[in-house]
């Protein structure tokens, strides 16, 4: 907002300057203000990407991930495998190792080394 109003004021002033040297200096200032405005807008749009809530699926502007330039060293979170967990819990006791079956009577002798 501030840059826009300053650029408008300087632009109107440049139109009224008759001296070519002064006009060139003010025109150079006007170009500098326009360049700086572009830089500020780029920074503001970049900052807006940080304000987006993670996981919301919305981004304020495009990022490098949108263009296929994502970091290949960062893997996505693994999918939970509920089926294998349920299978492991329902394993019959006959398949469990002897120490897990609770057969304390069989192991009355100490193991030979």
Protein backbone atom coordinates (compact mmCIF):
# COMPACT_ATOMS: atom_id res chain seq x y z
CA UNK A 1 0.00 0.00 0.00
CA UNK A 2 2.78 2.40 0.93
CA UNK A 3 4.80 1.62 -2.17
CA UNK A 4 1.76 2.01 -4.42
CA UNK A 5 0.96 5.46 -3.04
CA UNK A 6 4.62 6.56 -3.16
CA UNK A 7 4.94 5.37 -6.76
CA UNK A 8 1.78 7.29 -7.66
CA UNK A 9 3.04 10.51 -6.07
CA UNK A 10 6.49 10.26 -7.69
CA UNK A 11 4.93 9.38 -11.05
CA UNK A 12 2.71 12.48 -10.96
CA UNK A 13 5.69 14.60 -9.90
CA UNK A 14 7.88 13.29 -12.74
CA UNK A 15 5.23 14.33 -15.29
CA UNK A 16 5.48 17.93 -14.05
CA UNK A 17 9.29 18.24 -14.04
CA UNK A 18 10.58 20.18 -17.04
CA UNK A 19 14.35 19.91 -16.44
CA UNK A 20 15.61 16.76 -18.25
CA UNK A 21 18.37 16.05 -15.66
CA UNK A 22 15.98 16.27 -12.70
CA UNK A 23 13.40 14.26 -14.63
CA UNK A 24 15.98 11.50 -15.29
CA UNK A 25 16.90 11.34 -11.58
CA UNK A 26 13.25 11.12 -10.50
CA UNK A 27 12.56 8.53 -13.20
CA UNK A 28 15.47 6.46 -11.88
CA UNK A 29 13.97 6.70 -8.39
CA UNK A 30 10.61 5.60 -9.80
CA UNK A 31 12.25 2.55 -11.42
CA UNK A 32 13.99 1.72 -8.13
CA UNK A 33 10.68 1.94 -6.25
CA UNK A 34 8.99 -0.37 -8.79
CA UNK A 35 11.83 -2.91 -8.49
CA UNK A 36 11.67 -2.81 -4.71
CA UNK A 37 7.88 -3.22 -4.79
CA UNK A 38 8.29 -6.41 -6.86
CA UNK A 39 10.83 -7.73 -4.35
CA UNK A 40 8.56 -6.96 -1.40
CA UNK A 41 5.62 -8.69 -3.11
CA UNK A 42 7.73 -11.82 -3.73
CA UNK A 43 8.87 -11.92 -0.10
CA UNK A 44 5.31 -11.39 1.13
CA UNK A 45 3.99 -14.25 -0.99
CA UNK A 46 6.80 -16.49 0.25
CA UNK A 47 6.02 -15.60 3.86
CA UNK A 48 2.35 -16.40 3.22
CA UNK A 49 3.31 -20.01 2.46
CA UNK A 50 4.61 -20.32 6.03
CA UNK A 51 1.30 -19.10 7.41
CA UNK A 52 -0.66 -21.96 5.81
CA UNK A 53 -1.57 -24.59 8.39
CA UNK A 54 0.27 -27.90 7.90
CA UNK A 55 -1.99 -30.61 6.57
CA UNK A 56 -4.72 -28.19 5.52
CA UNK A 57 -4.07 -28.93 1.86
CA UNK A 58 -4.10 -25.24 0.97
CA UNK A 59 -1.11 -23.11 0.18
CA UNK A 60 -0.91 -19.40 -0.32
CA UNK A 61 1.26 -19.77 -3.43
CA UNK A 62 3.08 -22.43 -5.35
CA UNK A 63 6.17 -24.03 -3.89
CA UNK A 64 8.93 -26.15 -5.35
CA UNK A 65 6.95 -29.29 -4.48
CA UNK A 66 4.20 -28.16 -6.87
CA UNK A 67 6.67 -28.24 -9.73
CA UNK A 68 8.07 -31.70 -9.07
CA UNK A 69 11.24 -30.40 -7.41
CA UNK A 70 10.53 -32.05 -4.06
CA UNK A 71 13.27 -33.41 -1.84
CA UNK A 72 13.77 -37.08 -2.66
CA UNK A 73 15.47 -37.66 0.70
CA UNK A 74 12.24 -36.93 2.55
CA UNK A 75 9.91 -39.92 2.41
CA UNK A 76 6.20 -39.80 3.12
CA UNK A 77 4.86 -41.27 6.35
CA UNK A 78 4.31 -45.04 6.12
CA UNK A 79 0.78 -46.39 5.87
CA UNK A 80 -0.28 -48.27 9.01
CA UNK A 81 -0.49 -52.04 8.49
CA UNK A 82 -3.30 -53.05 10.80
CA UNK A 83 -3.70 -56.52 9.27
CA UNK A 84 -0.22 -57.72 10.23
CA UNK A 85 -0.60 -56.41 13.78
CA UNK A 86 -3.87 -58.27 14.22
CA UNK A 87 -2.29 -61.42 12.82
CA UNK A 88 0.61 -61.29 15.28
CA UNK A 89 -1.70 -60.91 18.27
CA UNK A 90 -3.89 -63.83 17.30
CA UNK A 91 -1.03 -66.32 16.88
CA UNK A 92 -1.89 -69.64 18.54
CA UNK A 93 0.15 -70.57 21.58
CA UNK A 94 1.34 -73.77 19.83
CA UNK A 95 3.36 -71.59 17.44
CA UNK A 96 4.91 -69.56 20.22
CA UNK A 97 8.45 -70.43 21.33
CA UNK A 98 8.76 -72.87 24.22
CA UNK A 99 9.84 -70.19 26.67
CA UNK A 100 6.69 -68.22 25.86
CA UNK A 101 4.26 -71.15 26.21
CA UNK A 102 4.70 -71.29 29.98
CA UNK A 103 6.00 -74.87 30.13
CA UNK A 104 7.93 -74.43 33.35
CA UNK A 105 7.67 -78.16 34.20
CA UNK A 106 9.71 -79.20 31.14
CA UNK A 107 12.54 -76.83 31.90
CA UNK A 108 13.27 -78.02 35.45
CA UNK A 109 16.84 -78.87 34.45
CA UNK A 110 19.23 -76.03 33.79
CA UNK A 111 20.41 -75.81 30.20
CA UNK A 112 23.81 -77.39 29.47
CA UNK A 113 26.49 -75.10 28.26
